Amino acid sequence: MLNKEYYISPDIRSEFSIIKKNCNELLVEEELINKLLKNKKDRIPLRIKLGLDPTAPDIHLGHTVVLNKLKQLQELGHKIIFLIGDFTAMIGDPSGRKATRPSLDLEQVEYNAATYCSQAYKILNPDLTEIRYNSEWFDKLGSRGIVKLAASCTLARILERDDFTKRFKAREPISVHEFLYPIMQGYDSVALKADIEIGGTDQKFNLLMGRELQKENGQEQQSILTMPLLIGIDGIEKMSKSKGNYIGIEESSDSMFGKLMSISDNLMWHYFDLLSFQSDKDIDKLRKNIDEGMNPRDIKVILAKEIVTRFHSDKEADQALINFENLFCKREVPSNLLEINLGCAPINIIKVLRDSGLVSSASEAQRVIEQKGVKVNGDKIESKSLQLSAGAYTIQVGKRKFIKAILV
């Protein structure tokens, strides 16, 4: 709701409402309104920045929460800047981290970055999107420039970050280069002269750093738009490539459909709220259908088909449903599997079978694998050395024993 004493035209009010819809926080509202007013007067589109570090080759559904918001802003006529943090990826964003992120070498970063543009263009209009790499300015800045940049922020300010404070109090290691990350992300906004920066709620400190550095460099400060974080398919932590609990937007239709069907009934509504393009009214109708006795699985099918169609096609979504039903219905896989949390991944399949109670001992686990009596997500397992990464898995032993194993 806009509580301004001066007159704001209906088109500005409408645009403001679209920008703010589903966002977690908008800072500072009055500044953004002034930017929109200036935009209409001067007919110069606002420069809206999103930065992603290519720490792995896949963009996942969690990223699409902010990418979908960018698409809305793009359709309003603003300039979208998709910043690939090829330089900062070699440092690693410490946001939410309990330990120092392993550094990536240049070759890894370049390989991962090469996939980002094509994947982002599944959502954004390539003709209206400006792709930038922050190595453009950091390579030129050099060691002298980095030292000067580091002088723009105190250690006390950096330690205001909740994750740094927790690690410091717990006497967990913090590498000096991690302190540079929020300063460098902030400097990206200076280099790009961003009017708005968008990011997840865990990025708020970094986004505020952009405002501070812009002010120090004599620029108008960017507005900040934070979006909710999508919980991963494990239902525990935010969707993350490093956690292995993600759904990549370039995964096969069958894989994407199956993973979406594996989420819990409660988590399903979180996915509807953040990922679905259905109206709030239509989603409320689906909630009422549940209250009136509709099977949650049928609602989940609606979600899975919508997402698979978006990144593949109607035809592939329909086929994915058929394949899913062939696998889990005709083979009599229970729809409500017992969920067992098995701890930190990776975990050997022998240990998974034993700790879940599907078998009584490691030797029995080895025997049923040798007899080809074990399936993971419908695929027969032949290797006793298989390591399962973080994620949710349907584990079957024989014809009647099933569990849903959650690894984090």
Protein backbone atom coordinates (compact mmCIF):
# COMPACT_ATOMS: atom_id res chain seq x y z
CA MET A 1 0.00 0.00 0.00
CA LEU A 2 1.37 3.40 -0.97
CA ASN A 3 1.00 6.00 1.77
CA LYS A 4 2.22 9.12 0.00
CA GLU A 5 0.95 12.65 0.40
CA TYR A 6 1.69 13.53 -3.24
CA TYR A 7 -0.31 12.26 -6.17
CA ILE A 8 0.80 8.98 -7.73
CA SER A 9 -0.78 8.02 -11.02
CA PRO A 10 -2.64 4.71 -11.39
CA ASP A 11 0.00 3.34 -13.78
CA ILE A 12 2.77 3.95 -11.22
CA ARG A 13 0.65 2.35 -8.51
CA SER A 14 0.03 -0.66 -10.75
CA GLU A 15 3.74 -1.01 -11.61
CA PHE A 16 4.73 -0.68 -7.96
CA SER A 17 2.26 -3.43 -7.01
CA ILE A 18 3.68 -5.78 -9.67
CA ILE A 19 7.23 -5.12 -8.47
CA LYS A 20 6.35 -5.72 -4.84
CA LYS A 21 4.16 -8.81 -5.37
CA ASN A 22 5.53 -11.91 -3.59
CA CYS A 23 8.72 -10.11 -2.56
CA ASN A 24 9.96 -10.48 0.99
CA GLU A 25 11.20 -6.93 1.49
CA LEU A 26 11.54 -3.73 -0.52
CA LEU A 27 14.06 -1.08 0.50
CA VAL A 28 13.50 1.84 0.29
CA GLU A 29 9.90 2.21 -0.95
CA GLU A 30 9.89 5.99 -1.30
CA GLU A 31 13.17 5.88 -3.23
CA LEU A 32 11.75 3.32 -5.65
CA ILE A 33 8.63 5.39 -6.20
CA ASN A 34 10.83 8.38 -7.07
CA LYS A 35 12.81 6.22 -9.49
CA LEU A 36 9.59 5.10 -11.19
CA LEU A 37 8.37 8.69 -11.44
CA LYS A 38 11.68 9.76 -12.97
CA ASN A 39 11.54 6.79 -15.34
CA LYS A 40 8.14 7.85 -16.64
CA LYS A 41 9.23 11.47 -16.99
CA ASP A 42 12.59 10.87 -18.72
CA ARG A 43 11.59 7.63 -20.48
CA ILE A 44 14.85 6.00 -19.41
CA PRO A 45 14.42 2.40 -18.20
CA LEU A 46 15.66 1.49 -14.73
CA ARG A 47 18.79 -0.68 -14.56
CA ILE A 48 17.90 -3.81 -12.61
CA LYS A 49 20.67 -6.14 -11.55
CA LEU A 50 20.77 -9.80 -10.57
CA GLY A 51 24.11 -11.45 -9.88
CA LEU A 52 24.66 -15.21 -9.84
CA ASP A 53 27.96 -16.96 -9.24
CA PRO A 54 28.56 -19.94 -11.56
CA THR A 55 29.59 -22.35 -8.79
CA ALA A 56 27.97 -25.27 -10.66
CA PRO A 57 26.73 -25.67 -14.25
CA ASP A 58 23.01 -25.74 -13.43
CA ILE A 59 20.48 -23.01 -12.80
CA HIS A 60 17.80 -24.55 -10.60
CA LEU A 61 14.20 -23.79 -9.68
CA GLY A 62 15.35 -21.76 -6.68
CA HIS A 63 17.04 -19.32 -9.06
CA THR A 64 13.83 -18.99 -11.06
CA VAL A 65 12.08 -17.27 -8.13
CA VAL A 66 14.21 -14.17 -8.80
CA LEU A 67 14.43 -14.76 -12.56
CA ASN A 68 10.64 -14.76 -12.81
CA LYS A 69 10.55 -11.44 -10.98
CA LEU A 70 13.13 -10.09 -13.44
CA LYS A 71 10.91 -11.23 -16.29
CA GLN A 72 8.03 -9.20 -14.83
CA LEU A 73 10.26 -6.14 -14.59
CA GLN A 74 11.52 -6.72 -18.12
CA GLU A 75 7.93 -6.79 -19.37
CA LEU A 76 7.41 -3.43 -17.65
CA GLY A 77 10.10 -2.02 -19.93
CA HIS A 78 13.11 -1.93 -17.62
CA LYS A 79 16.70 -2.93 -18.42
CA ILE A 80 17.68 -6.29 -16.96
CA ILE A 81 21.35 -6.87 -16.22
CA PHE A 82 22.17 -10.53 -15.67
CA LEU A 83 25.55 -10.45 -13.95
CA ILE A 84 27.62 -13.61 -13.98
CA GLY A 85 30.03 -13.48 -11.07
CA ASP A 86 32.91 -15.26 -12.75
CA PHE A 87 35.42 -13.40 -10.56
CA THR A 88 33.54 -13.64 -7.26
CA ALA A 89 32.79 -17.33 -7.89
CA MET A 90 36.48 -18.01 -7.26
CA ILE A 91 35.99 -16.58 -3.76
CA GLY A 92 32.63 -18.17 -3.05
CA ASP A 93 29.64 -16.48 -1.44
CA PRO A 94 29.81 -17.12 2.34
CA SER A 95 26.09 -16.35 2.80
CA GLY A 96 24.56 -18.99 5.05
CA ARG A 97 27.75 -21.03 5.05
CA LYS A 98 29.00 -22.82 8.17
CA ALA A 99 32.44 -23.32 6.68
CA THR A 100 34.68 -21.82 4.02
CA ARG A 101 33.47 -22.72 0.55
CA PRO A 102 36.07 -24.62 -1.51
CA SER A 103 37.65 -22.32 -4.10
CA LEU A 104 36.97 -22.94 -7.78
CA ASP A 105 39.67 -22.63 -10.41
CA LEU A 106 39.23 -20.44 -13.49
CA GLU A 107 38.59 -23.40 -15.79
CA GLN A 108 35.71 -24.66 -13.62
CA VAL A 109 34.19 -21.18 -13.43
CA GLU A 110 34.39 -20.64 -17.19
CA TYR A 111 32.77 -24.01 -17.87
CA ASN A 112 29.92 -23.32 -15.47
CA ALA A 113 29.44 -19.74 -16.71
CA ALA A 114 29.07 -20.93 -20.30
CA THR A 115 25.81 -22.71 -19.40
CA TYR A 116 24.25 -19.81 -17.51
CA CYS A 117 23.24 -17.56 -20.39
CA SER A 118 21.38 -20.22 -22.37
CA GLN A 119 19.57 -21.36 -19.23
CA ALA A 120 18.65 -17.81 -18.16
CA TYR A 121 17.22 -17.22 -21.63
CA LYS A 122 14.63 -19.91 -20.94
CA ILE A 123 13.02 -17.22 -18.77
CA LEU A 124 14.38 -13.84 -19.87
CA ASN A 125 14.11 -12.24 -23.30
CA PRO A 126 17.67 -12.39 -24.72
CA ASP A 127 17.11 -9.31 -26.89
CA LEU A 128 16.29 -7.22 -23.84
CA THR A 129 18.87 -8.66 -21.43
CA GLU A 130 22.37 -7.30 -20.84
CA ILE A 131 24.85 -10.04 -19.89
CA ARG A 132 27.87 -8.89 -17.90
CA TYR A 133 30.78 -10.60 -16.14
CA ASN A 134 32.33 -8.99 -13.07
CA SER A 135 35.83 -10.00 -14.17
CA GLU A 136 35.45 -7.02 -16.55
CA TRP A 137 36.20 -4.58 -13.74
CA PHE A 138 37.92 -6.72 -11.13
CA ASP A 139 40.65 -7.86 -13.54
CA LYS A 140 41.33 -4.19 -14.30
CA LEU A 141 41.15 -3.15 -10.67
CA GLY A 142 44.30 -5.09 -9.80
CA SER A 143 45.84 -5.62 -6.36
CA ARG A 144 46.10 -1.88 -5.61
CA GLY A 145 42.46 -1.37 -6.45
CA ILE A 146 41.37 -4.37 -4.36
CA VAL A 147 43.27 -3.02 -1.33
CA LYS A 148 41.68 0.41 -1.83
CA LEU A 149 38.26 -1.20 -2.15
CA ALA A 150 38.79 -3.22 1.04
CA ALA A 151 39.54 0.04 2.87
CA SER A 152 35.96 1.18 2.20
CA CYS A 153 34.56 -1.16 4.85
CA THR A 154 35.49 -1.87 8.47
CA LEU A 155 35.88 -5.30 10.01
CA ALA A 156 33.20 -4.38 12.55
CA ARG A 157 30.75 -3.78 9.70
CA ILE A 158 31.61 -7.12 8.07
CA LEU A 159 31.16 -8.96 11.38
CA GLU A 160 27.59 -7.67 11.52
CA ARG A 161 26.80 -10.49 9.12
CA ASP A 162 24.97 -13.17 11.05
CA ASP A 163 26.84 -16.08 9.45
CA PHE A 164 30.25 -14.52 10.14
CA THR A 165 29.25 -13.74 13.75
CA LYS A 166 28.08 -17.29 14.40
CA ARG A 167 31.23 -18.81 12.93
CA PHE A 168 33.44 -16.39 14.87
CA LYS A 169 31.70 -17.14 18.19
CA ALA A 170 31.87 -20.88 17.48
CA ARG A 171 35.62 -20.49 16.76
CA GLU A 172 35.09 -21.92 13.30
CA PRO A 173 37.62 -20.89 10.65
CA ILE A 174 36.88 -17.82 8.51
CA SER A 175 39.29 -17.14 5.66
CA VAL A 176 40.26 -13.51 5.10
CA HIS A 177 39.21 -13.64 1.44
CA GLU A 178 35.61 -14.35 2.51
CA PHE A 179 35.44 -10.85 4.02
CA LEU A 180 36.04 -9.46 0.54
CA TYR A 181 32.97 -11.10 -0.99
CA PRO A 182 30.21 -8.70 0.16
CA ILE A 183 32.44 -5.71 -0.67
CA MET A 184 33.01 -7.02 -4.18
CA GLN A 185 29.34 -7.79 -4.72
CA GLY A 186 28.60 -4.26 -3.56
CA TYR A 187 31.14 -2.86 -5.99
CA ASP A 188 29.35 -4.69 -8.83
CA SER A 189 26.46 -2.27 -8.28
CA VAL A 190 28.84 0.68 -8.55
CA ALA A 191 30.33 -0.64 -11.80
CA LEU A 192 26.87 -1.27 -13.28
CA LYS A 193 25.20 1.87 -11.84
CA ALA A 194 22.30 -0.30 -10.75
CA ASP A 195 18.96 1.32 -9.88
CA ILE A 196 17.55 -1.85 -8.33
CA GLU A 197 19.23 -5.05 -7.17
CA ILE A 198 17.26 -8.21 -6.61
CA GLY A 199 18.30 -11.26 -4.62
CA GLY A 200 17.26 -13.87 -2.07
CA THR A 201 16.66 -12.97 1.56
CA ASP A 202 20.08 -14.41 2.42
CA GLN A 203 21.68 -11.74 0.20
CA LYS A 204 20.39 -8.72 2.14
CA PHE A 205 23.75 -7.83 3.71
CA ASN A 206 25.49 -7.97 0.32
CA LEU A 207 22.75 -5.88 -1.31
CA LEU A 208 23.00 -3.23 1.40
CA MET A 209 26.75 -3.12 0.82
CA GLY A 210 25.97 -2.08 -2.75
CA ARG A 211 23.97 0.88 -1.45
CA GLU A 212 26.82 1.95 0.82
CA LEU A 213 29.47 1.79 -1.89
CA GLN A 214 27.27 3.62 -4.39
CA LYS A 215 26.78 6.46 -1.89
CA GLU A 216 30.53 6.57 -1.27
CA ASN A 217 31.11 6.81 -5.02
CA GLY A 218 28.62 9.63 -5.50
CA GLN A 219 25.91 7.49 -7.14
CA GLU A 220 22.20 7.36 -6.41
CA GLN A 221 21.67 4.37 -4.13
CA GLN A 222 20.01 1.28 -5.54
CA SER A 223 16.68 0.05 -4.26
CA ILE A 224 16.72 -3.49 -2.88
CA LEU A 225 14.20 -6.22 -3.61
CA THR A 226 14.59 -9.48 -1.69
CA MET A 227 12.72 -12.63 -2.70
CA PRO A 228 11.87 -15.65 -0.51
CA LEU A 229 14.18 -18.66 -0.66
CA LEU A 230 12.84 -21.85 -2.19
CA ILE A 231 13.23 -24.85 0.12
CA GLY A 232 14.96 -27.82 -1.50
CA ILE A 233 13.27 -31.14 -2.26
CA ASP A 234 14.59 -32.51 1.05
CA GLY A 235 12.23 -30.09 2.81
CA ILE A 236 15.01 -28.98 5.14
CA GLU A 237 17.34 -26.39 3.67
CA LYS A 238 17.13 -23.87 0.84
CA MET A 239 17.48 -25.30 -2.66
CA SER A 240 21.19 -25.41 -3.38
CA LYS A 241 23.55 -26.99 -5.86
CA SER A 242 26.07 -27.66 -3.11
CA LYS A 243 23.39 -29.40 -1.00
CA GLY A 244 22.25 -31.58 -3.90
CA ASN A 245 18.59 -30.91 -3.05
CA TYR A 246 17.79 -29.04 -6.24
CA ILE A 247 15.91 -29.44 -9.51
CA GLY A 248 17.87 -28.11 -12.46
CA ILE A 249 15.86 -26.36 -15.16
CA GLU A 250 17.64 -28.44 -17.81
CA GLU A 251 16.96 -31.79 -16.15
CA SER A 252 14.95 -34.29 -18.18
CA SER A 253 11.18 -34.04 -18.00
CA ASP A 254 11.00 -37.39 -16.20
CA SER A 255 13.58 -36.36 -13.60
CA MET A 256 11.95 -32.97 -13.03
CA PHE A 257 8.46 -34.51 -12.75
CA GLY A 258 9.61 -37.25 -10.39
CA LYS A 259 11.45 -34.86 -8.08
CA LEU A 260 8.45 -32.53 -7.88
CA MET A 261 6.21 -35.47 -7.04
CA SER A 262 8.64 -36.48 -4.27
CA ILE A 263 8.19 -33.32 -2.21
CA SER A 264 5.99 -33.47 0.86
CA ASP A 265 2.36 -32.38 0.78
CA ASN A 266 3.11 -29.36 2.98
CA LEU A 267 6.10 -28.30 0.88
CA MET A 268 3.90 -28.48 -2.22
CA TRP A 269 2.13 -25.24 -1.22
CA HIS A 270 5.46 -23.45 -0.77
CA TYR A 271 6.30 -24.45 -4.35
CA PHE A 272 2.90 -23.28 -5.60
CA ASP A 273 3.40 -19.89 -3.94
CA LEU A 274 6.90 -19.29 -5.30
CA LEU A 275 6.94 -21.14 -8.62
CA SER A 276 3.43 -21.38 -10.04
CA PHE A 277 2.05 -18.79 -12.46
CA GLN A 278 -1.48 -19.60 -11.35
CA SER A 279 -3.39 -16.78 -9.68
CA ASP A 280 -3.76 -16.59 -5.90
CA LYS A 281 -7.46 -17.23 -6.42
CA ASP A 282 -6.81 -20.47 -8.33
CA ILE A 283 -4.29 -21.69 -5.76
CA ASP A 284 -6.82 -20.99 -2.98
CA LYS A 285 -9.32 -23.14 -4.89
CA LEU A 286 -6.81 -26.00 -4.92
CA ARG A 287 -6.36 -25.65 -1.15
CA LYS A 288 -10.13 -25.88 -0.71
CA ASN A 289 -10.17 -29.00 -2.88
CA ILE A 290 -7.79 -30.62 -0.39
CA ASP A 291 -10.06 -29.62 2.49
CA GLU A 292 -12.96 -31.23 0.61
CA GLY A 293 -11.12 -34.55 0.31
CA MET A 294 -9.13 -34.34 -2.93
CA ASN A 295 -5.96 -36.45 -2.89
CA PRO A 296 -2.90 -34.17 -2.42
CA ARG A 297 -1.11 -36.30 -5.02
CA ASP A 298 -3.53 -35.05 -7.69
CA ILE A 299 -2.79 -31.44 -6.74
CA LYS A 300 0.93 -32.18 -6.92
CA VAL A 301 0.45 -33.52 -10.46
CA ILE A 302 -0.99 -30.12 -11.45
CA LEU A 303 2.14 -28.40 -10.11
CA ALA A 304 4.55 -30.89 -11.69
CA LYS A 305 2.85 -30.62 -15.10
CA GLU A 306 2.96 -26.81 -14.99
CA ILE A 307 6.68 -26.68 -14.20
CA VAL A 308 7.66 -29.42 -16.68
CA THR A 309 5.61 -27.73 -19.42
CA ARG A 310 7.37 -24.43 -18.74
CA PHE A 311 10.83 -25.89 -19.33
CA HIS A 312 9.94 -28.63 -21.80
CA SER A 313 6.48 -28.87 -23.42
CA ASP A 314 2.87 -29.95 -22.85
CA LYS A 315 3.59 -33.19 -24.67
CA GLU A 316 6.62 -34.02 -22.54
CA ALA A 317 4.73 -33.15 -19.35
CA ASP A 318 1.94 -35.54 -20.31
CA GLN A 319 4.47 -38.27 -21.11
CA ALA A 320 6.31 -37.66 -17.83
CA LEU A 321 3.05 -38.21 -15.96
CA ILE A 322 2.47 -41.48 -17.85
CA ASN A 323 6.02 -42.62 -17.12
CA PHE A 324 5.65 -41.68 -13.45
CA GLU A 325 2.42 -43.62 -13.13
CA ASN A 326 3.93 -46.62 -14.87
CA LEU A 327 6.81 -46.57 -12.42
CA PHE A 328 5.04 -45.80 -9.16
CA CYS A 329 1.45 -46.93 -9.71
CA LYS A 330 1.52 -49.97 -11.93
CA ARG A 331 4.52 -51.27 -10.02
CA GLU A 332 2.53 -50.72 -6.82
CA VAL A 333 4.89 -48.27 -5.18
CA PRO A 334 3.01 -46.80 -2.18
CA SER A 335 1.97 -43.18 -2.65
CA ASN A 336 2.68 -42.31 0.99
CA LEU A 337 6.15 -43.67 1.69
CA LEU A 338 7.74 -43.72 5.12
CA GLU A 339 10.29 -40.87 5.18
CA ILE A 340 13.59 -41.54 6.94
CA ASN A 341 16.29 -38.89 7.43
CA LEU A 342 19.64 -40.62 7.10
CA GLY A 343 22.04 -37.76 7.84
CA CYS A 344 24.80 -36.16 5.86
CA ALA A 345 25.56 -37.18 2.28
CA PRO A 346 27.28 -38.77 0.54
CA ILE A 347 26.30 -42.15 2.00
CA ASN A 348 27.10 -45.60 0.62
CA ILE A 349 24.09 -47.60 -0.54
CA ILE A 350 25.01 -50.44 1.86
CA LYS A 351 24.75 -48.08 4.82
CA VAL A 352 21.49 -46.61 3.49
CA LEU A 353 19.88 -50.05 3.27
CA ARG A 354 21.09 -51.08 6.73
CA ASP A 355 20.40 -47.82 8.59
CA SER A 356 16.92 -47.50 7.09
CA GLY A 357 15.95 -50.97 8.29
CA LEU A 358 15.30 -52.32 4.81
CA VAL A 359 17.86 -55.03 5.57
CA SER A 360 19.17 -56.37 8.86
CA SER A 361 22.88 -56.27 8.10
CA ALA A 362 25.56 -55.08 5.68
CA SER A 363 26.02 -58.64 4.43
CA GLU A 364 22.29 -58.90 3.60
CA ALA A 365 22.51 -55.56 1.80
CA GLN A 366 25.39 -56.86 -0.33
CA ARG A 367 23.46 -60.03 -1.10
CA VAL A 368 20.26 -58.29 -2.29
CA ILE A 369 22.31 -55.93 -4.44
CA GLU A 370 24.09 -58.91 -6.04
CA GLN A 371 20.67 -60.47 -6.67
CA LYS A 372 19.54 -57.19 -8.32
CA GLY A 373 16.83 -56.76 -5.74
CA VAL A 374 17.52 -53.10 -4.93
CA LYS A 375 16.13 -50.12 -6.81
CA VAL A 376 16.80 -46.41 -6.32
CA ASN A 377 14.19 -44.17 -7.93
CA GLY A 378 13.08 -47.13 -10.04
CA ASP A 379 16.54 -48.06 -11.34
CA LYS A 380 18.15 -51.37 -10.42
CA ILE A 381 21.39 -51.01 -8.47
CA GLU A 382 24.29 -53.29 -9.31
CA SER A 383 27.21 -51.52 -7.61
CA LYS A 384 27.82 -52.02 -3.90
CA SER A 385 30.04 -48.93 -3.90
CA LEU A 386 27.27 -46.54 -5.01
CA GLN A 387 27.36 -43.24 -3.10
CA LEU A 388 24.10 -41.28 -2.79
CA SER A 389 24.44 -37.49 -2.74
CA ALA A 390 22.07 -35.12 -0.91
CA GLY A 391 18.46 -35.38 -1.99
CA ALA A 392 15.30 -37.47 -1.71
CA TYR A 393 15.29 -41.07 -2.96
CA THR A 394 12.69 -43.82 -3.27
CA ILE A 395 14.48 -46.98 -2.14
CA GLN A 396 12.96 -50.40 -2.89
CA VAL A 397 14.12 -53.83 -1.71
CA GLY A 398 12.32 -56.77 -3.24
CA LYS A 399 8.69 -56.29 -4.22
CA ARG A 400 7.20 -54.95 -0.98
CA LYS A 401 9.76 -52.92 0.97
CA PHE A 402 9.86 -49.19 0.25
CA ILE A 403 11.09 -46.04 1.97
CA LYS A 404 11.73 -42.44 1.02
CA ALA A 405 15.30 -41.69 2.11
CA ILE A 406 16.23 -38.05 2.83
CA LEU A 407 19.94 -37.22 2.69
CA VAL A 408 21.31 -33.75 3.46
